[in-house]
Amino acid sequence: LQAVDPKEFAPSLLPAFGRENALLAAGD
């Protein structure tokens, strides 16, 4: 994984949802 600009990132992220391959994580 490499750092990318968040402003350019969001549109490519959205198709992942509804396909059950995204994880939400919280903690430390």
mmCIF file of all heavy atoms, coordinates in Angstrom:
data_MODEL
# 
_entry.id   MODEL 
# 
loop_
_atom_site.group_PDB 
_atom_site.id 
_atom_site.type_symbol 
_atom_site.label_atom_id 
_atom_site.label_alt_id 
_atom_site.label_comp_id 
_atom_site.label_asym_id 
_atom_site.label_entity_id 
_atom_site.label_seq_id 
_atom_site.pdbx_PDB_ins_code 
_atom_site.Cartn_x 
_atom_site.Cartn_y 
_atom_site.Cartn_z 
_atom_site.occupancy 
_atom_site.B_iso_or_equiv 
_atom_site.pdbx_formal_charge 
_atom_site.auth_seq_id 
_atom_site.auth_comp_id 
_atom_site.auth_asym_id 
_atom_site.auth_atom_id 
_atom_site.pdbx_PDB_model_num 
ATOM 1   N N   . LEU A 1 1  ? 0.829   -1.203  0.000  1.00 0.00 ? 1  LEU A N   1 
ATOM 2   C CA  . LEU A 1 1  ? 0.000   0.000   0.000  1.00 0.00 ? 1  LEU A CA  1 
ATOM 3   C C   . LEU A 1 1  ? 0.862   1.252   0.000  1.00 0.00 ? 1  LEU A C   1 
ATOM 4   O O   . LEU A 1 1  ? 1.819   1.356   0.762  1.00 0.00 ? 1  LEU A O   1 
ATOM 5   C CB  . LEU A 1 1  ? -0.909  0.009   1.229  1.00 0.00 ? 1  LEU A CB  1 
ATOM 6   C CG  . LEU A 1 1  ? -2.003  -1.046  1.245  1.00 0.00 ? 1  LEU A CG  1 
ATOM 7   C CD1 . LEU A 1 1  ? -2.631  -1.134  2.630  1.00 0.00 ? 1  LEU A CD1 1 
ATOM 8   C CD2 . LEU A 1 1  ? -3.059  -0.734  0.214  1.00 0.00 ? 1  LEU A CD2 1 
ATOM 9   N N   . GLN A 1 2  ? 0.483   2.207   -0.837 1.00 0.00 ? 2  GLN A N   1 
ATOM 10  C CA  . GLN A 1 2  ? 1.197   3.468   -0.929 1.00 0.00 ? 2  GLN A CA  1 
ATOM 11  C C   . GLN A 1 2  ? 0.221   4.608   -0.666 1.00 0.00 ? 2  GLN A C   1 
ATOM 12  O O   . GLN A 1 2  ? -0.950  4.527   -1.039 1.00 0.00 ? 2  GLN A O   1 
ATOM 13  C CB  . GLN A 1 2  ? 1.810   3.630   -2.324 1.00 0.00 ? 2  GLN A CB  1 
ATOM 14  C CG  . GLN A 1 2  ? 2.769   2.520   -2.714 1.00 0.00 ? 2  GLN A CG  1 
ATOM 15  C CD  . GLN A 1 2  ? 3.966   2.424   -1.776 1.00 0.00 ? 2  GLN A CD  1 
ATOM 16  O OE1 . GLN A 1 2  ? 4.554   3.430   -1.405 1.00 0.00 ? 2  GLN A OE1 1 
ATOM 17  N NE2 . GLN A 1 2  ? 4.319   1.211   -1.379 1.00 0.00 ? 2  GLN A NE2 1 
ATOM 18  N N   . ALA A 1 3  ? 0.694   5.681   -0.057 1.00 0.00 ? 3  ALA A N   1 
ATOM 19  C CA  . ALA A 1 3  ? -0.144  6.843   0.206  1.00 0.00 ? 3  ALA A CA  1 
ATOM 20  C C   . ALA A 1 3  ? -0.608  7.452   -1.111 1.00 0.00 ? 3  ALA A C   1 
ATOM 21  O O   . ALA A 1 3  ? 0.154   7.519   -2.079 1.00 0.00 ? 3  ALA A O   1 
ATOM 22  C CB  . ALA A 1 3  ? 0.636   7.869   1.024  1.00 0.00 ? 3  ALA A CB  1 
ATOM 23  N N   . VAL A 1 4  ? -1.884  7.878   -1.149 1.00 0.00 ? 4  VAL A N   1 
ATOM 24  C CA  . VAL A 1 4  ? -2.458  8.541   -2.323 1.00 0.00 ? 4  VAL A CA  1 
ATOM 25  C C   . VAL A 1 4  ? -3.250  9.753   -1.845 1.00 0.00 ? 4  VAL A C   1 
ATOM 26  O O   . VAL A 1 4  ? -3.554  9.890   -0.662 1.00 0.00 ? 4  VAL A O   1 
ATOM 27  C CB  . VAL A 1 4  ? -3.377  7.595   -3.143 1.00 0.00 ? 4  VAL A CB  1 
ATOM 28  C CG1 . VAL A 1 4  ? -2.571  6.452   -3.739 1.00 0.00 ? 4  VAL A CG1 1 
ATOM 29  C CG2 . VAL A 1 4  ? -4.519  7.055   -2.302 1.00 0.00 ? 4  VAL A CG2 1 
ATOM 30  N N   . ASP A 1 5  ? -3.606  10.629  -2.779 1.00 0.00 ? 5  ASP A N   1 
ATOM 31  C CA  . ASP A 1 5  ? -4.378  11.822  -2.471 1.00 0.00 ? 5  ASP A CA  1 
ATOM 32  C C   . ASP A 1 5  ? -5.837  11.440  -2.231 1.00 0.00 ? 5  ASP A C   1 
ATOM 33  O O   . ASP A 1 5  ? -6.498  10.918  -3.128 1.00 0.00 ? 5  ASP A O   1 
ATOM 34  C CB  . ASP A 1 5  ? -4.285  12.800  -3.647 1.00 0.00 ? 5  ASP A CB  1 
ATOM 35  C CG  . ASP A 1 5  ? -5.007  14.112  -3.390 1.00 0.00 ? 5  ASP A CG  1 
ATOM 36  O OD1 . ASP A 1 5  ? -5.747  14.224  -2.392 1.00 0.00 ? 5  ASP A OD1 1 
ATOM 37  O OD2 . ASP A 1 5  ? -4.827  15.029  -4.208 1.00 0.00 ? 5  ASP A OD2 1 
ATOM 38  N N   . PRO A 1 6  ? -6.368  11.686  -1.023 1.00 0.00 ? 6  PRO A N   1 
ATOM 39  C CA  . PRO A 1 6  ? -7.760  11.316  -0.727 1.00 0.00 ? 6  PRO A CA  1 
ATOM 40  C C   . PRO A 1 6  ? -8.773  11.925  -1.691 1.00 0.00 ? 6  PRO A C   1 
ATOM 41  O O   . PRO A 1 6  ? -9.793  11.322  -1.990 1.00 0.00 ? 6  PRO A O   1 
ATOM 42  C CB  . PRO A 1 6  ? -7.991  11.842  0.693  1.00 0.00 ? 6  PRO A CB  1 
ATOM 43  C CG  . PRO A 1 6  ? -6.644  11.940  1.295  1.00 0.00 ? 6  PRO A CG  1 
ATOM 44  C CD  . PRO A 1 6  ? -5.709  12.266  0.151  1.00 0.00 ? 6  PRO A CD  1 
ATOM 45  N N   . LYS A 1 7  ? -8.508  13.124  -2.218 1.00 0.00 ? 7  LYS A N   1 
ATOM 46  C CA  . LYS A 1 7  ? -9.454  13.774  -3.126 1.00 0.00 ? 7  LYS A CA  1 
ATOM 47  C C   . LYS A 1 7  ? -9.622  12.995  -4.434 1.00 0.00 ? 7  LYS A C   1 
ATOM 48  O O   . LYS A 1 7  ? -10.668 13.041  -5.048 1.00 0.00 ? 7  LYS A O   1 
ATOM 49  C CB  . LYS A 1 7  ? -9.008  15.203  -3.422 1.00 0.00 ? 7  LYS A CB  1 
ATOM 50  C CG  . LYS A 1 7  ? -9.088  16.130  -2.212 1.00 0.00 ? 7  LYS A CG  1 
ATOM 51  C CD  . LYS A 1 7  ? -8.736  17.546  -2.551 1.00 0.00 ? 7  LYS A CD  1 
ATOM 52  C CE  . LYS A 1 7  ? -7.313  17.743  -2.893 1.00 0.00 ? 7  LYS A CE  1 
ATOM 53  N NZ  . LYS A 1 7  ? -6.310  17.906  -1.929 1.00 0.00 ? 7  LYS A NZ  1 
ATOM 54  N N   . GLU A 1 8  ? -8.598  12.272  -4.838 1.00 0.00 ? 8  GLU A N   1 
ATOM 55  C CA  . GLU A 1 8  ? -8.650  11.498  -6.080 1.00 0.00 ? 8  GLU A CA  1 
ATOM 56  C C   . GLU A 1 8  ? -9.148  10.079  -5.832 1.00 0.00 ? 8  GLU A C   1 
ATOM 57  O O   . GLU A 1 8  ? -9.428  9.339   -6.763 1.00 0.00 ? 8  GLU A O   1 
ATOM 58  C CB  . GLU A 1 8  ? -7.252  11.438  -6.703 1.00 0.00 ? 8  GLU A CB  1 
ATOM 59  C CG  . GLU A 1 8  ? -6.611  12.781  -6.941 1.00 0.00 ? 8  GLU A CG  1 
ATOM 60  C CD  . GLU A 1 8  ? -7.406  13.639  -7.904 1.00 0.00 ? 8  GLU A CD  1 
ATOM 61  O OE1 . GLU A 1 8  ? -7.958  13.082  -8.872 1.00 0.00 ? 8  GLU A OE1 1 
ATOM 62  O OE2 . GLU A 1 8  ? -7.500  14.857  -7.670 1.00 0.00 ? 8  GLU A OE2 1 
ATOM 63  N N   . PHE A 1 9  ? -9.269  9.713   -4.596 1.00 0.00 ? 9  PHE A N   1 
ATOM 64  C CA  . PHE A 1 9  ? -9.492  8.331   -4.203 1.00 0.00 ? 9  PHE A CA  1 
ATOM 65  C C   . PHE A 1 9  ? -10.953 7.912   -4.106 1.00 0.00 ? 9  PHE A C   1 
ATOM 66  O O   . PHE A 1 9  ? -11.327 6.815   -4.469 1.00 0.00 ? 9  PHE A O   1 
ATOM 67  C CB  . PHE A 1 9  ? -8.805  8.142   -2.851 1.00 0.00 ? 9  PHE A CB  1 
ATOM 68  C CG  . PHE A 1 9  ? -8.768  6.750   -2.352 1.00 0.00 ? 9  PHE A CG  1 
ATOM 69  C CD1 . PHE A 1 9  ? -7.942  5.817   -2.945 1.00 0.00 ? 9  PHE A CD1 1 
ATOM 70  C CD2 . PHE A 1 9  ? -9.529  6.367   -1.276 1.00 0.00 ? 9  PHE A CD2 1 
ATOM 71  C CE1 . PHE A 1 9  ? -7.881  4.530   -2.477 1.00 0.00 ? 9  PHE A CE1 1 
ATOM 72  C CE2 . PHE A 1 9  ? -9.481  5.074   -0.798 1.00 0.00 ? 9  PHE A CE2 1 
ATOM 73  C CZ  . PHE A 1 9  ? -8.650  4.153   -1.401 1.00 0.00 ? 9  PHE A CZ  1 
ATOM 74  N N   . ALA A 1 10 ? -11.816 8.785   -3.612 1.00 0.00 ? 10 ALA A N   1 
ATOM 75  C CA  . ALA A 1 10 ? -13.199 8.428   -3.279 1.00 0.00 ? 10 ALA A CA  1 
ATOM 76  C C   . ALA A 1 10 ? -13.968 7.766   -4.418 1.00 0.00 ? 10 ALA A C   1 
ATOM 77  O O   . ALA A 1 10 ? -14.621 6.752   -4.198 1.00 0.00 ? 10 ALA A O   1 
ATOM 78  C CB  . ALA A 1 10 ? -13.960 9.643   -2.752 1.00 0.00 ? 10 ALA A CB  1 
ATOM 79  N N   . PRO A 1 11 ? -13.943 8.277   -5.649 1.00 0.00 ? 11 PRO A N   1 
ATOM 80  C CA  . PRO A 1 11 ? -14.746 7.627   -6.697 1.00 0.00 ? 11 PRO A CA  1 
ATOM 81  C C   . PRO A 1 11 ? -14.368 6.165   -6.950 1.00 0.00 ? 11 PRO A C   1 
ATOM 82  O O   . PRO A 1 11 ? -15.234 5.347   -7.225 1.00 0.00 ? 11 PRO A O   1 
ATOM 83  C CB  . PRO A 1 11 ? -14.463 8.481   -7.940 1.00 0.00 ? 11 PRO A CB  1 
ATOM 84  C CG  . PRO A 1 11 ? -14.068 9.809   -7.399 1.00 0.00 ? 11 PRO A CG  1 
ATOM 85  C CD  . PRO A 1 11 ? -13.327 9.507   -6.110 1.00 0.00 ? 11 PRO A CD  1 
ATOM 86  N N   . SER A 1 12 ? -13.114 5.806   -6.804 1.00 0.00 ? 12 SER A N   1 
ATOM 87  C CA  . SER A 1 12 ? -12.705 4.420   -7.047 1.00 0.00 ? 12 SER A CA  1 
ATOM 88  C C   . SER A 1 12 ? -13.047 3.505   -5.874 1.00 0.00 ? 12 SER A C   1 
ATOM 89  O O   . SER A 1 12 ? -13.067 2.292   -6.018 1.00 0.00 ? 12 SER A O   1 
ATOM 90  C CB  . SER A 1 12 ? -11.208 4.350   -7.344 1.00 0.00 ? 12 SER A CB  1 
ATOM 91  O OG  . SER A 1 12 ? -10.460 4.701   -6.210 1.00 0.00 ? 12 SER A OG  1 
ATOM 92  N N   . LEU A 1 13 ? -13.344 4.079   -4.728 1.00 0.00 ? 13 LEU A N   1 
ATOM 93  C CA  . LEU A 1 13 ? -13.677 3.307   -3.543 1.00 0.00 ? 13 LEU A CA  1 
ATOM 94  C C   . LEU A 1 13 ? -15.127 2.840   -3.540 1.00 0.00 ? 13 LEU A C   1 
ATOM 95  O O   . LEU A 1 13 ? -15.435 1.719   -3.141 1.00 0.00 ? 13 LEU A O   1 
ATOM 96  C CB  . LEU A 1 13 ? -13.421 4.170   -2.298 1.00 0.00 ? 13 LEU A CB  1 
ATOM 97  C CG  . LEU A 1 13 ? -13.779 3.577   -0.950 1.00 0.00 ? 13 LEU A CG  1 
ATOM 98  C CD1 . LEU A 1 13 ? -12.732 2.545   -0.562 1.00 0.00 ? 13 LEU A CD1 1 
ATOM 99  C CD2 . LEU A 1 13 ? -13.861 4.669   0.088  1.00 0.00 ? 13 LEU A CD2 1 
ATOM 100 N N   . LEU A 1 14 ? -16.032 3.666   -4.012 1.00 0.00 ? 14 LEU A N   1 
ATOM 101 C CA  . LEU A 1 14 ? -17.460 3.413   -3.863 1.00 0.00 ? 14 LEU A CA  1 
ATOM 102 C C   . LEU A 1 14 ? -17.970 2.110   -4.475 1.00 0.00 ? 14 LEU A C   1 
ATOM 103 O O   . LEU A 1 14 ? -18.852 1.478   -3.887 1.00 0.00 ? 14 LEU A O   1 
ATOM 104 C CB  . LEU A 1 14 ? -18.255 4.612   -4.380 1.00 0.00 ? 14 LEU A CB  1 
ATOM 105 C CG  . LEU A 1 14 ? -18.021 5.899   -3.573 1.00 0.00 ? 14 LEU A CG  1 
ATOM 106 C CD1 . LEU A 1 14 ? -18.823 7.044   -4.157 1.00 0.00 ? 14 LEU A CD1 1 
ATOM 107 C CD2 . LEU A 1 14 ? -18.351 5.719   -2.110 1.00 0.00 ? 14 LEU A CD2 1 
ATOM 108 N N   . PRO A 1 15 ? -17.482 1.648   -5.615 1.00 0.00 ? 15 PRO A N   1 
ATOM 109 C CA  . PRO A 1 15 ? -17.999 0.386   -6.162 1.00 0.00 ? 15 PRO A CA  1 
ATOM 110 C C   . PRO A 1 15 ? -17.768 -0.826  -5.257 1.00 0.00 ? 15 PRO A C   1 
ATOM 111 O O   . PRO A 1 15 ? -18.412 -1.852  -5.433 1.00 0.00 ? 15 PRO A O   1 
ATOM 112 C CB  . PRO A 1 15 ? -17.241 0.222   -7.480 1.00 0.00 ? 15 PRO A CB  1 
ATOM 113 C CG  . PRO A 1 15 ? -16.837 1.595   -7.859 1.00 0.00 ? 15 PRO A CG  1 
ATOM 114 C CD  . PRO A 1 15 ? -16.583 2.302   -6.554 1.00 0.00 ? 15 PRO A CD  1 
ATOM 115 N N   . ALA A 1 16 ? -16.888 -0.718  -4.278 1.00 0.00 ? 16 ALA A N   1 
ATOM 116 C CA  . ALA A 1 16 ? -16.593 -1.848  -3.393 1.00 0.00 ? 16 ALA A CA  1 
ATOM 117 C C   . ALA A 1 16 ? -17.748 -2.185  -2.473 1.00 0.00 ? 16 ALA A C   1 
ATOM 118 O O   . ALA A 1 16 ? -17.892 -3.321  -2.044 1.00 0.00 ? 16 ALA A O   1 
ATOM 119 C CB  . ALA A 1 16 ? -15.361 -1.537  -2.549 1.00 0.00 ? 16 ALA A CB  1 
ATOM 120 N N   . PHE A 1 17 ? -18.609 -1.232  -2.188 1.00 0.00 ? 17 PHE A N   1 
ATOM 121 C CA  . PHE A 1 17 ? -19.661 -1.457  -1.202 1.00 0.00 ? 17 PHE A CA  1 
ATOM 122 C C   . PHE A 1 17 ? -20.850 -2.165  -1.821 1.00 0.00 ? 17 PHE A C   1 
ATOM 123 O O   . PHE A 1 17 ? -21.211 -1.935  -2.951 1.00 0.00 ? 17 PHE A O   1 
ATOM 124 C CB  . PHE A 1 17 ? -20.029 -0.149  -0.513 1.00 0.00 ? 17 PHE A CB  1 
ATOM 125 C CG  . PHE A 1 17 ? -18.831 0.404   0.179  1.00 0.00 ? 17 PHE A CG  1 
ATOM 126 C CD1 . PHE A 1 17 ? -18.065 1.378   -0.414 1.00 0.00 ? 17 PHE A CD1 1 
ATOM 127 C CD2 . PHE A 1 17 ? -18.414 -0.142  1.373  1.00 0.00 ? 17 PHE A CD2 1 
ATOM 128 C CE1 . PHE A 1 17 ? -16.911 1.836   0.186  1.00 0.00 ? 17 PHE A CE1 1 
ATOM 129 C CE2 . PHE A 1 17 ? -17.261 0.314   1.992  1.00 0.00 ? 17 PHE A CE2 1 
ATOM 130 C CZ  . PHE A 1 17 ? -16.512 1.298   1.394  1.00 0.00 ? 17 PHE A CZ  1 
ATOM 131 N N   . GLY A 1 18 ? -21.426 -3.065  -1.009 1.00 0.00 ? 18 GLY A N   1 
ATOM 132 C CA  . GLY A 1 18 ? -22.504 -3.903  -1.500 1.00 0.00 ? 18 GLY A CA  1 
ATOM 133 C C   . GLY A 1 18 ? -21.988 -5.221  -2.039 1.00 0.00 ? 18 GLY A C   1 
ATOM 134 O O   . GLY A 1 18 ? -22.752 -6.128  -2.324 1.00 0.00 ? 18 GLY A O   1 
ATOM 135 N N   . ARG A 1 19 ? -20.663 -5.357  -2.174 1.00 0.00 ? 19 ARG A N   1 
ATOM 136 C CA  . ARG A 1 19 ? -20.054 -6.612  -2.630 1.00 0.00 ? 19 ARG A CA  1 
ATOM 137 C C   . ARG A 1 19 ? -19.454 -7.385  -1.466 1.00 0.00 ? 19 ARG A C   1 
ATOM 138 O O   . ARG A 1 19 ? -18.823 -8.407  -1.666 1.00 0.00 ? 19 ARG A O   1 
ATOM 139 C CB  . ARG A 1 19 ? -18.955 -6.321  -3.659 1.00 0.00 ? 19 ARG A CB  1 
ATOM 140 C CG  . ARG A 1 19 ? -19.470 -5.776  -4.944 1.00 0.00 ? 19 ARG A CG  1 
ATOM 141 C CD  . ARG A 1 19 ? -18.403 -5.736  -6.028 1.00 0.00 ? 19 ARG A CD  1 
ATOM 142 N NE  . ARG A 1 19 ? -17.045 -5.704  -5.508 1.00 0.00 ? 19 ARG A NE  1 
ATOM 143 C CZ  . ARG A 1 19 ? -16.089 -4.945  -5.990 1.00 0.00 ? 19 ARG A CZ  1 
ATOM 144 N NH1 . ARG A 1 19 ? -16.303 -4.155  -7.001 1.00 0.00 ? 19 ARG A NH1 1 
ATOM 145 N NH2 . ARG A 1 19 ? -14.879 -4.987  -5.469 1.00 0.00 ? 19 ARG A NH2 1 
ATOM 146 N N   . GLU A 1 20 ? -19.592 -6.871  -0.260 1.00 0.00 ? 20 GLU A N   1 
ATOM 147 C CA  . GLU A 1 20 ? -19.113 -7.526  0.959  1.00 0.00 ? 20 GLU A CA  1 
ATOM 148 C C   . GLU A 1 20 ? -17.613 -7.785  0.970  1.00 0.00 ? 20 GLU A C   1 
ATOM 149 O O   . GLU A 1 20 ? -17.157 -8.845  1.354  1.00 0.00 ? 20 GLU A O   1 
ATOM 150 C CB  . GLU A 1 20 ? -19.888 -8.820  1.198  1.00 0.00 ? 20 GLU A CB  1 
ATOM 151 C CG  . GLU A 1 20 ? -21.373 -8.599  1.392  1.00 0.00 ? 20 GLU A CG  1 
ATOM 152 C CD  . GLU A 1 20 ? -22.125 -9.882  1.644  1.00 0.00 ? 20 GLU A CD  1 
ATOM 153 O OE1 . GLU A 1 20 ? -21.519 -10.957 1.706  1.00 0.00 ? 20 GLU A OE1 1 
ATOM 154 O OE2 . GLU A 1 20 ? -23.343 -9.789  1.796  1.00 0.00 ? 20 GLU A OE2 1 
ATOM 155 N N   . ASN A 1 21 ? -16.833 -6.801  0.536  1.00 0.00 ? 21 ASN A N   1 
ATOM 156 C CA  . ASN A 1 21 ? -15.390 -6.968  0.648  1.00 0.00 ? 21 ASN A CA  1 
ATOM 157 C C   . ASN A 1 21 ? -14.723 -5.748  1.277  1.00 0.00 ? 21 ASN A C   1 
ATOM 158 O O   . ASN A 1 21 ? -13.564 -5.478  1.034  1.00 0.00 ? 21 ASN A O   1 
ATOM 159 C CB  . ASN A 1 21 ? -14.756 -7.312  -0.699 1.00 0.00 ? 21 ASN A CB  1 
ATOM 160 C CG  . ASN A 1 21 ? -14.871 -6.192  -1.705 1.00 0.00 ? 21 ASN A CG  1 
ATOM 161 O OD1 . ASN A 1 21 ? -15.787 -5.393  -1.657 1.00 0.00 ? 21 ASN A OD1 1 
ATOM 162 N ND2 . ASN A 1 21 ? -13.929 -6.137  -2.632 1.00 0.00 ? 21 ASN A ND2 1 
ATOM 163 N N   . ALA A 1 22 ? -15.477 -5.023  2.103  1.00 0.00 ? 22 ALA A N   1 
ATOM 164 C CA  . ALA A 1 22 ? -14.915 -3.882  2.817  1.00 0.00 ? 22 ALA A CA  1 
ATOM 165 C C   . ALA A 1 22 ? -14.995 -4.137  4.321  1.00 0.00 ? 22 ALA A C   1 
ATOM 166 O O   . ALA A 1 22 ? -15.984 -4.659  4.826  1.00 0.00 ? 22 ALA A O   1 
ATOM 167 C CB  . ALA A 1 22 ? -15.660 -2.602  2.460  1.00 0.00 ? 22 ALA A CB  1 
ATOM 168 N N   . LEU A 1 23 ? -13.921 -3.762  5.012  1.00 0.00 ? 23 LEU A N   1 
ATOM 169 C CA  . LEU A 1 23 ? -13.863 -3.918  6.467  1.00 0.00 ? 23 LEU A CA  1 
ATOM 170 C C   . LEU A 1 23 ? -13.772 -2.557  7.131  1.00 0.00 ? 23 LEU A C   1 
ATOM 171 O O   . LEU A 1 23 ? -12.961 -1.710  6.731  1.00 0.00 ? 23 LEU A O   1 
ATOM 172 C CB  . LEU A 1 23 ? -12.633 -4.728  6.882  1.00 0.00 ? 23 LEU A CB  1 
ATOM 173 C CG  . LEU A 1 23 ? -12.578 -6.190  6.482  1.00 0.00 ? 23 LEU A CG  1 
ATOM 174 C CD1 . LEU A 1 23 ? -11.248 -6.802  6.914  1.00 0.00 ? 23 LEU A CD1 1 
ATOM 175 C CD2 . LEU A 1 23 ? -13.744 -6.956  7.088  1.00 0.00 ? 23 LEU A CD2 1 
ATOM 176 N N   . LEU A 1 24 ? -14.578 -2.367  8.167  1.00 0.00 ? 24 LEU A N   1 
ATOM 177 C CA  . LEU A 1 24 ? -14.470 -1.221  9.041  1.00 0.00 ? 24 LEU A CA  1 
ATOM 178 C C   . LEU A 1 24 ? -13.668 -1.677  10.252 1.00 0.00 ? 24 LEU A C   1 
ATOM 179 O O   . LEU A 1 24 ? -13.976 -2.722  10.830 1.00 0.00 ? 24 LEU A O   1 
ATOM 180 C CB  . LEU A 1 24 ? -15.866 -0.766  9.485  1.00 0.00 ? 24 LEU A CB  1 
ATOM 181 C CG  . LEU A 1 24 ? -15.921 0.257   10.620 1.00 0.00 ? 24 LEU A CG  1 
ATOM 182 C CD1 . LEU A 1 24 ? -15.308 1.580   10.195 1.00 0.00 ? 24 LEU A CD1 1 
ATOM 183 C CD2 . LEU A 1 24 ? -17.357 0.430   11.089 1.00 0.00 ? 24 LEU A CD2 1 
ATOM 184 N N   . ALA A 1 25 ? -12.640 -0.922  10.624 1.00 0.00 ? 25 ALA A N   1 
ATOM 185 C CA  . ALA A 1 25 ? -11.834 -1.269  11.796 1.00 0.00 ? 25 ALA A CA  1 
ATOM 186 C C   . ALA A 1 25 ? -11.712 -0.049  12.701 1.00 0.00 ? 25 ALA A C   1 
ATOM 187 O O   . ALA A 1 25 ? -11.659 1.092   12.231 1.00 0.00 ? 25 ALA A O   1 
ATOM 188 C CB  . ALA A 1 25 ? -10.446 -1.757  11.383 1.00 0.00 ? 25 ALA A CB  1 
ATOM 189 N N   . ALA A 1 26 ? -11.666 -0.319  13.998 1.00 0.00 ? 26 ALA A N   1 
ATOM 190 C CA  . ALA A 1 26 ? -11.473 0.742   14.989 1.00 0.00 ? 26 ALA A CA  1 
ATOM 191 C C   . ALA A 1 26 ? -10.679 0.164   16.149 1.00 0.00 ? 26 ALA A C   1 
ATOM 192 O O   . ALA A 1 26 ? -10.655 -1.042  16.374 1.00 0.00 ? 26 ALA A O   1 
ATOM 193 C CB  . ALA A 1 26 ? -12.813 1.289   15.472 1.00 0.00 ? 26 ALA A CB  1 
ATOM 194 N N   . GLY A 1 27 ? -10.039 1.042   16.877 1.00 0.00 ? 27 GLY A N   1 
ATOM 195 C CA  . GLY A 1 27 ? -9.206  0.645   17.995 1.00 0.00 ? 27 GLY A CA  1 
ATOM 196 C C   . GLY A 1 27 ? -7.841  1.282   17.844 1.00 0.00 ? 27 GLY A C   1 
ATOM 197 O O   . GLY A 1 27 ? -7.679  2.310   17.186 1.00 0.00 ? 27 GLY A O   1 
ATOM 198 N N   . ASP A 1 28 ? -6.839  0.644   18.438 1.00 0.00 ? 28 ASP A N   1 
ATOM 199 C CA  . ASP A 1 28 ? -5.472  1.139   18.352 1.00 0.00 ? 28 ASP A CA  1 
ATOM 200 C C   . ASP A 1 28 ? -4.515  -0.031  18.588 1.00 0.00 ? 28 ASP A C   1 
ATOM 201 O O   . ASP A 1 28 ? -4.934  -1.188  18.538 1.00 0.00 ? 28 ASP A O   1 
ATOM 202 C CB  . ASP A 1 28 ? -5.234  2.280   19.347 1.00 0.00 ? 28 ASP A CB  1 
ATOM 203 C CG  . ASP A 1 28 ? -5.555  1.892   20.786 1.00 0.00 ? 28 ASP A CG  1 
ATOM 204 O OD1 . ASP A 1 28 ? -5.438  0.695   21.143 1.00 0.00 ? 28 ASP A OD1 1 
ATOM 205 O OD2 . ASP A 1 28 ? -5.918  2.796   21.564 1.00 0.00 ? 28 ASP A OD2 1 
# 
